PDB file of N, CA and C in Angstrom:
ATOM      1  N   MET A   1      87.929-187.444 200.742  1.00  0.00           N
ATOM      2  CA  MET A   1      86.348-187.469 200.909  1.00  0.00           C
ATOM      3  C   MET A   1      85.703-186.305 201.992  1.00  0.00           C
ATOM      4  N   PHE A   2      86.818-185.872 203.022  1.00  0.00           N
ATOM      5  CA  PHE A   2      86.292-184.711 203.820  1.00  0.00           C
ATOM      6  C   PHE A   2      86.342-183.250 203.245  1.00  0.00           C
ATOM      7  N   GLU A   3      87.776-183.417 202.533  1.00  0.00           N
ATOM      8  CA  GLU A   3      87.859-181.895 201.627  1.00  0.00           C
ATOM      9  C   GLU A   3      86.962-181.674 200.692  1.00  0.00           C
ATOM     10  N   LYS A   4      86.553-182.775 200.042  1.00  0.00           N
ATOM     11  CA  LYS A   4      85.706-182.439 198.772  1.00  0.00           C
ATOM     12  C   LYS A   4      84.267-181.624 199.679  1.00  0.00           C
ATOM     13  N   ARG A   5      84.085-182.076 200.881  1.00  0.00           N
ATOM     14  CA  ARG A   5      82.930-181.524 201.666  1.00  0.00           C
ATOM     15  C   ARG A   5      83.007-180.102 202.217  1.00  0.00           C
ATOM     16  N   GLY A   6      84.361-179.420 202.007  1.00  0.00           N
ATOM     17  CA  GLY A   6      84.651-178.147 202.374  1.00  0.00           C
ATOM     18  C   GLY A   6      85.391-178.442 204.058  1.00  0.00           C
ATOM     19  N   HIS A   7      85.600-179.474 204.314  1.00  0.00           N
ATOM     20  CA  HIS A   7      86.589-179.607 205.516  1.00  0.00           C
ATOM     21  C   HIS A   7      88.041-179.357 205.534  1.00  0.00           C
ATOM     22  N   LYS A   8      88.503-179.152 206.635  1.00  0.00           N
ATOM     23  CA  LYS A   8      89.818-178.780 206.561  1.00  0.00           C
ATOM     24  C   LYS A   8      90.526-180.076 206.886  1.00  0.00           C
ATOM     25  N   VAL A   9      91.687-180.709 206.763  1.00  0.00           N
ATOM     26  CA  VAL A   9      92.009-182.216 207.183  1.00  0.00           C
ATOM     27  C   VAL A   9      93.432-181.793 207.315  1.00  0.00           C
ATOM     28  N   GLU A  10      93.864-182.586 208.501  1.00  0.00           N
ATOM     29  CA  GLU A  10      95.031-182.666 208.984  1.00  0.00           C
ATOM     30  C   GLU A  10      95.358-184.312 209.221  1.00  0.00           C
ATOM     31  N   VAL A  11      96.453-184.585 208.728  1.00  0.00           N
ATOM     32  CA  VAL A  11      96.891-186.007 208.711  1.00  0.00           C
ATOM     33  C   VAL A  11      98.311-186.211 209.772  1.00  0.00           C
ATOM     34  N   ALA A  12      98.074-187.071 210.619  1.00  0.00           N
ATOM     35  CA  ALA A  12      99.001-187.700 211.324  1.00  0.00           C
ATOM     36  C   ALA A  12      99.290-189.166 211.234  1.00  0.00           C
ATOM     37  N   THR A  13     100.558-189.399 211.318  1.00  0.00           N
ATOM     38  CA  THR A  13     100.673-190.891 210.613  1.00  0.00           C
ATOM     39  C   THR A  13     101.065-192.002 212.008  1.00  0.00           C
ATOM     40  N   ASN A  14     101.180-191.170 213.015  1.00  0.00           N
ATOM     41  CA  ASN A  14     101.122-191.877 214.232  1.00  0.00           C
ATOM     42  C   ASN A  14     100.592-191.413 215.199  1.00  0.00           C
ATOM     43  N   GLY A  15     100.712-191.994 216.365  1.00  0.00           N
ATOM     44  CA  GLY A  15      99.868-191.588 217.635  1.00  0.00           C
ATOM     45  C   GLY A  15     100.821-190.413 218.322  1.00  0.00           C
ATOM     46  N   LYS A  16     102.126-190.373 218.258  1.00  0.00           N
ATOM     47  CA  LYS A  16     102.859-189.242 218.719  1.00  0.00           C
ATOM     48  C   LYS A  16     102.721-187.873 217.831  1.00  0.00           C
ATOM     49  N   GLU A  17     102.475-188.273 216.741  1.00  0.00           N
ATOM     50  CA  GLU A  17     102.005-186.887 215.763  1.00  0.00           C
ATOM     51  C   GLU A  17     100.718-186.476 215.606  1.00  0.00           C
ATOM     52  N   ALA A  18      99.562-187.249 216.450  1.00  0.00           N
ATOM     53  CA  ALA A  18      98.732-186.713 216.482  1.00  0.00           C
ATOM     54  C   ALA A  18      98.383-186.084 218.039  1.00  0.00           C
ATOM     55  N   LEU A  19      99.368-186.670 218.927  1.00  0.00           N
ATOM     56  CA  LEU A  19      99.237-185.572 220.259  1.00  0.00           C
ATOM     57  C   LEU A  19      99.965-184.090 219.869  1.00  0.00           C
ATOM     58  N   LEU A  20     101.077-184.316 219.031  1.00  0.00           N
ATOM     59  CA  LEU A  20     101.567-183.245 218.886  1.00  0.00           C
ATOM     60  C   LEU A  20     100.692-181.949 218.238  1.00  0.00           C
ATOM     61  N   ALA A  21      99.972-182.545 216.968  1.00  0.00           N
ATOM     62  CA  ALA A  21      99.045-181.929 216.348  1.00  0.00           C
ATOM     63  C   ALA A  21      98.192-181.095 217.051  1.00  0.00           C
ATOM     64  N   LEU A  22      97.592-181.932 218.236  1.00  0.00           N
ATOM     65  CA  LEU A  22      96.620-181.326 219.228  1.00  0.00           C
ATOM     66  C   LEU A  22      97.217-180.341 219.874  1.00  0.00           C
ATOM     67  N   GLU A  23      98.571-179.947 220.318  1.00  0.00           N
ATOM     68  CA  GLU A  23      99.173-179.082 221.045  1.00  0.00           C
ATOM     69  C   GLU A  23      99.235-178.195 220.390  1.00  0.00           C
ATOM     70  N   LYS A  24      99.340-178.045 218.855  1.00  0.00           N
ATOM     71  CA  LYS A  24      99.489-177.064 218.369  1.00  0.00           C
ATOM     72  C   LYS A  24      97.999-176.605 217.485  1.00  0.00           C
ATOM     73  N   GLY A  25      96.909-177.112 217.597  1.00  0.00           N
ATOM     74  CA  GLY A  25      95.710-176.436 217.138  1.00  0.00           C
ATOM     75  C   GLY A  25      94.427-177.095 217.677  1.00  0.00           C
ATOM     76  N   GLU A  26      93.242-176.609 217.008  1.00  0.00           N
ATOM     77  CA  GLU A  26      92.090-177.148 217.745  1.00  0.00           C
ATOM     78  C   GLU A  26      91.505-178.219 216.521  1.00  0.00           C
ATOM     79  N   PHE A  27      91.038-179.088 216.902  1.00  0.00           N
ATOM     80  CA  PHE A  27      90.069-180.096 216.068  1.00  0.00           C
ATOM     81  C   PHE A  27      88.570-180.242 216.374  1.00  0.00           C
ATOM     82  N   ASP A  28      87.840-180.465 215.437  1.00  0.00           N
ATOM     83  CA  ASP A  28      86.326-180.598 215.639  1.00  0.00           C
ATOM     84  C   ASP A  28      86.238-182.284 215.961  1.00  0.00           C
ATOM     85  N   VAL A  29      86.814-182.814 215.184  1.00  0.00           N
ATOM     86  CA  VAL A  29      86.864-184.513 215.396  1.00  0.00           C
ATOM     87  C   VAL A  29      88.081-184.844 215.152  1.00  0.00           C
ATOM     88  N   ILE A  30      88.248-186.069 215.480  1.00  0.00           N
ATOM     89  CA  ILE A  30      89.418-186.760 215.314  1.00  0.00           C
ATOM     90  C   ILE A  30      88.993-188.328 214.823  1.00  0.00           C
ATOM     91  N   LEU A  31      89.608-188.406 213.626  1.00  0.00           N
ATOM     92  CA  LEU A  31      89.435-190.083 213.020  1.00  0.00           C
ATOM     93  C   LEU A  31      90.736-190.958 213.670  1.00  0.00           C
ATOM     94  N   MET A  32      90.547-191.752 214.374  1.00  0.00           N
ATOM     95  CA  MET A  32      91.710-192.270 214.785  1.00  0.00           C
ATOM     96  C   MET A  32      91.820-193.763 214.118  1.00  0.00           C
ATOM     97  N   ASP A  33      92.815-194.088 213.536  1.00  0.00           N
ATOM     98  CA  ASP A  33      93.365-195.596 213.112  1.00  0.00           C
ATOM     99  C   ASP A  33      93.745-196.148 214.547  1.00  0.00           C
ATOM    100  N   VAL A  34      93.276-197.201 214.600  1.00  0.00           N
ATOM    101  CA  VAL A  34      93.410-197.638 215.627  1.00  0.00           C
ATOM    102  C   VAL A  34      94.735-198.628 216.027  1.00  0.00           C
ATOM    103  N   GLN A  35      95.356-199.114 214.503  1.00  0.00           N
ATOM    104  CA  GLN A  35      96.352-199.750 214.355  1.00  0.00           C
ATOM    105  C   GLN A  35      97.402-199.043 213.816  1.00  0.00           C
ATOM    106  N   MET A  36      98.163-198.080 214.591  1.00  0.00           N
ATOM    107  CA  MET A  36      99.146-197.143 214.263  1.00  0.00           C
ATOM    108  C   MET A  36     100.355-197.456 214.735  1.00  0.00           C
ATOM    109  N   PRO A  37     101.513-197.175 213.960  1.00  0.00           N
ATOM    110  CA  PRO A  37     103.063-197.633 214.738  1.00  0.00           C
ATOM    111  C   PRO A  37     103.364-196.703 215.689  1.00  0.00           C
ATOM    112  N   GLY A  38     104.060-196.953 216.912  1.00  0.00           N
ATOM    113  CA  GLY A  38     104.495-196.372 218.044  1.00  0.00           C
ATOM    114  C   GLY A  38     103.341-196.634 218.863  1.00  0.00           C
ATOM    115  N   LEU A  39     102.746-195.613 219.373  1.00  0.00           N
ATOM    116  CA  LEU A  39     101.278-195.184 219.995  1.00  0.00           C
ATOM    117  C   LEU A  39     100.414-195.924 219.165  1.00  0.00           C
ATOM    118  N   ASP A  40      99.576-197.049 219.500  1.00  0.00           N
ATOM    119  CA  ASP A  40      98.356-197.311 218.653  1.00  0.00           C
ATOM    120  C   ASP A  40      97.131-196.447 219.383  1.00  0.00           C
ATOM    121  N   GLY A  41      96.258-196.702 218.237  1.00  0.00           N
ATOM    122  CA  GLY A  41      95.016-195.549 218.542  1.00  0.00           C
ATOM    123  C   GLY A  41      94.294-195.600 220.007  1.00  0.00           C
ATOM    124  N   LEU A  42      94.392-196.965 220.535  1.00  0.00           N
ATOM    125  CA  LEU A  42      93.848-196.681 222.123  1.00  0.00           C
ATOM    126  C   LEU A  42      94.628-195.973 222.813  1.00  0.00           C
ATOM    127  N   GLU A  43      95.883-196.266 222.834  1.00  0.00           N
ATOM    128  CA  GLU A  43      96.990-195.572 223.640  1.00  0.00           C
ATOM    129  C   GLU A  43      97.110-193.958 223.461  1.00  0.00           C
ATOM    130  N   THR A  44      96.689-193.384 222.084  1.00  0.00           N
ATOM    131  CA  THR A  44      96.806-192.229 221.922  1.00  0.00           C
ATOM    132  C   THR A  44      95.229-191.618 222.273  1.00  0.00           C
ATOM    133  N   THR A  45      94.222-192.679 222.187  1.00  0.00           N
ATOM    134  CA  THR A  45      93.156-192.060 222.784  1.00  0.00           C
ATOM    135  C   THR A  45      92.983-191.740 224.365  1.00  0.00           C
ATOM    136  N   ALA A  46      93.676-192.399 225.038  1.00  0.00           N
ATOM    137  CA  ALA A  46      93.702-192.478 226.630  1.00  0.00           C
ATOM    138  C   ALA A  46      94.675-191.313 226.717  1.00  0.00           C
ATOM    139  N   ALA A  47      95.473-191.223 226.078  1.00  0.00           N
ATOM    140  CA  ALA A  47      96.651-189.643 226.572  1.00  0.00           C
ATOM    141  C   ALA A  47      95.745-188.372 226.253  1.00  0.00           C
ATOM    142  N   ILE A  48      94.853-188.590 224.869  1.00  0.00           N
ATOM    143  CA  ILE A  48      94.018-187.396 224.593  1.00  0.00           C
ATOM    144  C   ILE A  48      93.048-187.314 225.973  1.00  0.00           C
ATOM    145  N   ARG A  49      92.274-188.296 226.003  1.00  0.00           N
ATOM    146  CA  ARG A  49      91.272-188.265 227.422  1.00  0.00           C
ATOM    147  C   ARG A  49      91.785-187.866 228.628  1.00  0.00           C
ATOM    148  N   GLU A  50      93.197-188.172 228.832  1.00  0.00           N
ATOM    149  CA  GLU A  50      93.580-187.728 230.160  1.00  0.00           C
ATOM    150  C   GLU A  50      93.991-186.332 230.143  1.00  0.00           C
ATOM    151  N   ARG A  51      94.697-185.740 228.780  1.00  0.00           N
ATOM    152  CA  ARG A  51      94.842-184.290 228.880  1.00  0.00           C
ATOM    153  C   ARG A  51      93.248-183.651 229.060  1.00  0.00           C
ATOM    154  N   GLU A  52      92.268-183.971 228.267  1.00  0.00           N
ATOM    155  CA  GLU A  52      91.008-183.541 228.555  1.00  0.00           C
ATOM    156  C   GLU A  52      90.686-183.104 229.732  1.00  0.00           C
ATOM    157  N   LYS A  53      91.218-183.883 230.769  1.00  0.00           N
ATOM    158  CA  LYS A  53      90.833-183.883 232.510  1.00  0.00           C
ATOM    159  C   LYS A  53      91.414-182.698 233.021  1.00  0.00           C
ATOM    160  N   SER A  54      92.213-181.840 232.167  1.00  0.00           N
ATOM    161  CA  SER A  54      92.854-180.545 232.700  1.00  0.00           C
ATOM    162  C   SER A  54      92.346-179.686 232.107  1.00  0.00           C
ATOM    163  N   THR A  55      91.809-179.779 230.623  1.00  0.00           N
ATOM    164  CA  THR A  55      91.334-178.649 229.748  1.00  0.00           C
ATOM    165  C   THR A  55      89.940-178.500 229.949  1.00  0.00           C
ATOM    166  N   GLY A  56      89.177-179.573 230.347  1.00  0.00           N
ATOM    167  CA  GLY A  56      87.591-179.362 230.357  1.00  0.00           C
ATOM    168  C   GLY A  56      87.172-179.641 228.838  1.00  0.00           C
ATOM    169  N   THR A  57      87.714-179.846 227.801  1.00  0.00           N
ATOM    170  CA  THR A  57      87.245-180.190 226.631  1.00  0.00           C
ATOM    171  C   THR A  57      86.783-181.466 226.424  1.00  0.00           C
ATOM    172  N   HIS A  58      86.524-181.549 225.082  1.00  0.00           N
ATOM    173  CA  HIS A  58      85.999-183.027 224.612  1.00  0.00           C
ATOM    174  C   HIS A  58      85.930-183.038 223.162  1.00  0.00           C
ATOM    175  N   ILE A  59      87.128-183.974 222.600  1.00  0.00           N
ATOM    176  CA  ILE A  59      86.996-183.744 221.333  1.00  0.00           C
ATOM    177  C   ILE A  59      86.480-185.263 220.621  1.00  0.00           C
ATOM    178  N   PRO A  60      85.381-185.288 219.924  1.00  0.00           N
ATOM    179  CA  PRO A  60      84.929-186.553 219.487  1.00  0.00           C
ATOM    180  C   PRO A  60      85.960-187.556 218.707  1.00  0.00           C
ATOM    181  N   ILE A  61      86.056-188.562 219.049  1.00  0.00           N
ATOM    182  CA  ILE A  61      87.102-189.624 218.509  1.00  0.00           C
ATOM    183  C   ILE A  61      86.342-190.609 218.045  1.00  0.00           C
ATOM    184  N   VAL A  62      86.613-190.844 216.451  1.00  0.00           N
ATOM    185  CA  VAL A  62      86.018-192.060 215.765  1.00  0.00           C
ATOM    186  C   VAL A  62      86.902-193.012 215.452  1.00  0.00           C
ATOM    187  N   ALA A  63      86.954-194.198 215.927  1.00  0.00           N
ATOM    188  CA  ALA A  63      87.924-195.423 215.632  1.00  0.00           C
ATOM    189  C   ALA A  63      87.718-195.449 214.347  1.00  0.00           C
ATOM    190  N   LEU A  64      88.866-195.870 213.757  1.00  0.00           N
ATOM    191  CA  LEU A  64      88.593-196.724 212.130  1.00  0.00           C
ATOM    192  C   LEU A  64      89.475-197.834 212.130  1.00  0.00           C
ATOM    193  N   THR A  65      89.054-198.844 211.727  1.00  0.00           N
ATOM    194  CA  THR A  65      89.581-200.412 211.798  1.00  0.00           C
ATOM    195  C   THR A  65      89.043-201.293 211.155  1.00  0.00           C
ATOM    196  N   ALA A  66      89.933-202.141 210.695  1.00  0.00           N
ATOM    197  CA  ALA A  66      89.397-203.479 209.691  1.00  0.00           C
ATOM    198  C   ALA A  66      89.132-204.430 210.607  1.00  0.00           C
ATOM    199  N   HIS A  67      88.891-204.220 211.790  1.00  0.00           N
ATOM    200  CA  HIS A  67      88.241-205.284 212.857  1.00  0.00           C
ATOM    201  C   HIS A  67      87.054-204.938 213.085  1.00  0.00           C
ATOM    202  N   ALA A  68      86.036-205.582 212.021  1.00  0.00           N
ATOM    203  CA  ALA A  68      84.742-205.081 212.292  1.00  0.00           C
ATOM    204  C   ALA A  68      83.837-206.045 213.251  1.00  0.00           C
ATOM    205  N   SER A  69      84.284-206.076 214.628  1.00  0.00           N
ATOM    206  CA  SER A  69      83.565-207.100 215.368  1.00  0.00           C
ATOM    207  C   SER A  69      83.210-206.239 216.782  1.00  0.00           C
ATOM    208  N   GLU A  70      81.895-206.683 217.267  1.00  0.00           N
ATOM    209  CA  GLU A  70      81.484-206.211 218.287  1.00  0.00           C
ATOM    210  C   GLU A  70      82.422-206.089 219.429  1.00  0.00           C
ATOM    211  N   GLU A  71      83.351-207.219 219.603  1.00  0.00           N
ATOM    212  CA  GLU A  71      84.293-207.067 220.901  1.00  0.00           C
ATOM    213  C   GLU A  71      85.184-206.003 220.520  1.00  0.00           C
ATOM    214  N   TYR A  72      85.686-205.763 219.328  1.00  0.00           N
ATOM    215  CA  TYR A  72      86.530-204.718 219.138  1.00  0.00           C
ATOM    216  C   TYR A  72      85.816-203.555 219.323  1.00  0.00           C
ATOM    217  N   ARG A  73      84.653-203.084 218.709  1.00  0.00           N
ATOM    218  CA  ARG A  73      84.180-202.097 219.067  1.00  0.00           C
ATOM    219  C   ARG A  73      83.838-201.409 220.441  1.00  0.00           C
ATOM    220  N   ARG A  74      83.738-202.677 221.228  1.00  0.00           N
ATOM    221  CA  ARG A  74      83.814-202.675 223.029  1.00  0.00           C
ATOM    222  C   ARG A  74      84.902-202.178 223.341  1.00  0.00           C
ATOM    223  N   ARG A  75      86.244-202.519 222.704  1.00  0.00           N
ATOM    224  CA  ARG A  75      87.385-202.037 223.106  1.00  0.00           C
ATOM    225  C   ARG A  75      87.706-200.648 222.902  1.00  0.00           C
ATOM    226  N   CYS A  76      87.310-200.331 221.891  1.00  0.00           N
ATOM    227  CA  CYS A  76      87.294-198.977 221.236  1.00  0.00           C
ATOM    228  C   CYS A  76      86.554-198.134 222.139  1.00  0.00           C
ATOM    229  N   THR A  77      85.652-198.149 222.807  1.00  0.00           N
ATOM    230  CA  THR A  77      84.467-197.216 223.327  1.00  0.00           C
ATOM    231  C   THR A  77      85.088-197.374 224.619  1.00  0.00           C
ATOM    232  N   ASP A  78      85.495-198.417 225.261  1.00  0.00           N
ATOM    233  CA  ASP A  78      85.880-198.716 226.560  1.00  0.00           C
ATOM    234  C   ASP A  78      87.383-197.896 226.929  1.00  0.00           C
ATOM    235  N   ALA A  79      88.067-197.559 225.756  1.00  0.00           N
ATOM    236  CA  ALA A  79      89.293-196.919 225.709  1.00  0.00           C
ATOM    237  C   ALA A  79      88.915-195.271 225.448  1.00  0.00           C
ATOM    238  N   GLY A  80      87.740-194.698 225.186  1.00  0.00           N
ATOM    239  CA  GLY A  80      87.173-193.455 225.397  1.00  0.00           C
ATOM    240  C   GLY A  80      86.991-193.017 223.828  1.00  0.00           C
ATOM    241  N   MET A  81      86.872-193.744 223.047  1.00  0.00           N
ATOM    242  CA  MET A  81      86.491-193.463 221.696  1.00  0.00           C
ATOM    243  C   MET A  81      84.798-193.355 221.788  1.00  0.00           C
ATOM    244  N   ASP A  82      84.571-192.195 220.972  1.00  0.00           N
ATOM    245  CA  ASP A  82      82.739-191.905 220.936  1.00  0.00           C
ATOM    246  C   ASP A  82      82.371-192.709 219.813  1.00  0.00           C
ATOM    247  N   ALA A  83      82.814-193.248 218.691  1.00  0.00           N
ATOM    248  CA  ALA A  83      82.232-193.726 217.644  1.00  0.00           C
ATOM    249  C   ALA A  83      83.129-194.729 217.240  1.00  0.00           C
ATOM    250  N   TYR A  84      82.722-195.649 216.033  1.00  0.00           N
ATOM    251  CA  TYR A  84      83.569-196.573 215.493  1.00  0.00           C
ATOM    252  C   TYR A  84      83.053-196.889 213.976  1.00  0.00           C
ATOM    253  N   LEU A  85      84.130-196.987 213.161  1.00  0.00           N
ATOM    254  CA  LEU A  85      83.844-197.268 211.864  1.00  0.00           C
ATOM    255  C   LEU A  85      84.863-198.403 211.277  1.00  0.00           C
ATOM    256  N   ALA A  86      84.083-199.311 210.624  1.00  0.00           N
ATOM    257  CA  ALA A  86      85.010-200.356 210.029  1.00  0.00           C
ATOM    258  C   ALA A  86      85.692-199.765 208.778  1.00  0.00           C
ATOM    259  N   LYS A  87      86.676-199.897 208.256  1.00  0.00           N
ATOM    260  CA  LYS A  87      87.364-199.485 207.014  1.00  0.00           C
ATOM    261  C   LYS A  87      86.799-201.019 206.030  1.00  0.00           C
ATOM    262  N   PRO A  88      86.577-200.525 204.741  1.00  0.00           N
ATOM    263  CA  PRO A  88      86.841-199.474 204.165  1.00  0.00           C
ATOM    264  C   PRO A  88      85.680-198.643 204.594  1.00  0.00           C
ATOM    265  N   LEU A  89      85.787-197.456 204.321  1.00  0.00           N
ATOM    266  CA  LEU A  89      85.160-196.132 205.022  1.00  0.00           C
ATOM    267  C   LEU A  89      84.108-195.979 203.486  1.00  0.00           C
ATOM    268  N   ARG A  90      83.035-196.028 203.994  1.00  0.00           N
ATOM    269  CA  ARG A  90      81.815-195.677 203.253  1.00  0.00           C
ATOM    270  C   ARG A  90      81.518-194.305 203.388  1.00  0.00           C
ATOM    271  N   ALA A  91      81.248-193.242 202.390  1.00  0.00           N
ATOM    272  CA  ALA A  91      80.871-191.954 202.547  1.00  0.00           C
ATOM    273  C   ALA A  91      79.818-191.681 203.440  1.00  0.00           C
ATOM    274  N   LYS A  92      78.602-192.523 202.831  1.00  0.00           N
ATOM    275  CA  LYS A  92      77.284-192.098 203.490  1.00  0.00           C
ATOM    276  C   LYS A  92      77.298-192.407 205.076  1.00  0.00           C
ATOM    277  N   GLU A  93      78.154-193.410 205.648  1.00  0.00           N
ATOM    278  CA  GLU A  93      78.184-193.976 206.785  1.00  0.00           C
ATOM    279  C   GLU A  93      78.979-193.134 207.728  1.00  0.00           C
ATOM    280  N   THR A  94      80.090-192.854 207.099  1.00  0.00           N
ATOM    281  CA  THR A  94      81.052-191.707 207.819  1.00  0.00           C
ATOM    282  C   THR A  94      80.061-190.924 208.020  1.00  0.00           C
ATOM    283  N   PHE A  95      79.453-190.122 207.294  1.00  0.00           N
ATOM    284  CA  PHE A  95      78.840-188.700 207.408  1.00  0.00           C
ATOM    285  C   PHE A  95      77.913-188.929 208.405  1.00  0.00           C
ATOM    286  N   GLU A  96      77.353-189.720 208.507  1.00  0.00           N
ATOM    287  CA  GLU A  96      75.809-190.216 209.595  1.00  0.00           C
ATOM    288  C   GLU A  96      76.855-190.151 211.001  1.00  0.00           C
TER     289      GLU A  96
END
């Protein structure tokens, strides 16, 4: 979906890989699966936000989850995520 719109995409299969990718490159946005093995999306977001305190940067993080409830949305935003999308992703909603 993103590549079709001309975006470069890098996939991390877990939180640890996501943190390693951030050490090696720059990203405009992170689509964070909340339920990943190892470090979950909430823990990974917390680690990213902690890192940003020393770098002075802020990468928008969008939560991706199958839990489409207001309570779960609040958990994601409380963890430092900027936005929330419920799966399955729909192109129109995702790009808005």
